[in-house]
């Protein structure tokens, strides 16, 4: 059961990192600082989720 939970956290983390990267890059292209900030926040959230998943292994 823990393995499934850890995989779920890792997948969610990767999704949030990818989503954050897209927002960050879009913000860079459009000079939208708020979108960049939101993207960076999503990337950090994703890294934390991924680490939680790693700790559950």
Protein backbone atom coordinates (compact mmCIF):
# COMPACT_ATOMS: atom_id res chain seq x y z
CA UNK A 1 0.00 0.00 0.00
CA UNK A 2 2.81 2.43 0.84
CA UNK A 3 4.37 1.80 -2.57
CA UNK A 4 1.14 2.83 -4.30
CA UNK A 5 0.94 5.97 -2.15
CA UNK A 6 4.55 6.83 -2.91
CA UNK A 7 4.00 6.35 -6.64
CA UNK A 8 0.93 8.57 -6.48
CA UNK A 9 2.92 11.32 -4.77
CA UNK A 10 5.73 10.99 -7.30
CA UNK A 11 3.32 11.21 -10.25
CA UNK A 12 1.53 14.21 -8.76
CA UNK A 13 4.89 15.82 -8.11
CA UNK A 14 6.01 15.33 -11.69
CA UNK A 15 2.72 16.70 -13.01
CA UNK A 16 3.04 19.80 -10.83
CA UNK A 17 6.65 20.32 -11.90
CA UNK A 18 5.68 20.06 -15.58
CA UNK A 19 2.70 22.36 -15.10
CA UNK A 20 4.91 24.82 -13.25
CA UNK A 21 7.54 24.76 -15.97
CA UNK A 22 4.90 25.50 -18.60
CA UNK A 23 3.55 28.44 -16.59
CA UNK A 24 7.05 29.73 -15.88
CA UNK A 25 8.07 29.60 -19.55
CA UNK A 26 4.78 31.10 -20.72
CA UNK A 27 5.26 33.89 -18.19
CA UNK A 28 8.77 34.45 -19.56
CA UNK A 29 7.49 34.66 -23.13
CA UNK A 30 4.60 36.98 -22.32
CA UNK A 31 6.49 38.99 -19.69
CA UNK A 32 3.82 38.00 -17.15
CA UNK A 33 5.54 38.07 -13.75
CA UNK A 34 2.48 36.71 -11.93
CA UNK A 35 2.35 33.65 -14.17
CA UNK A 36 6.09 33.13 -13.72
CA UNK A 37 5.70 33.30 -9.94
CA UNK A 38 2.81 30.85 -10.05
CA UNK A 39 4.87 28.49 -12.18
CA UNK A 40 7.81 28.62 -9.81
CA UNK A 41 5.47 27.89 -6.91
CA UNK A 42 4.02 24.87 -8.74
CA UNK A 43 7.51 23.56 -9.45
CA UNK A 44 8.46 23.78 -5.76
CA UNK A 45 5.19 22.09 -4.80
CA UNK A 46 5.98 19.31 -7.27
CA UNK A 47 9.49 18.83 -5.89
CA UNK A 48 8.11 18.56 -2.36
CA UNK A 49 5.46 16.03 -3.45
CA UNK A 50 8.08 13.97 -5.23
CA UNK A 51 10.33 13.96 -2.15
CA UNK A 52 7.38 12.87 0.02
CA UNK A 53 6.88 9.97 -2.37
CA UNK A 54 10.57 9.11 -2.15
CA UNK A 55 10.44 9.10 1.65
CA UNK A 56 7.48 6.69 1.58
CA UNK A 57 9.50 4.13 -0.39
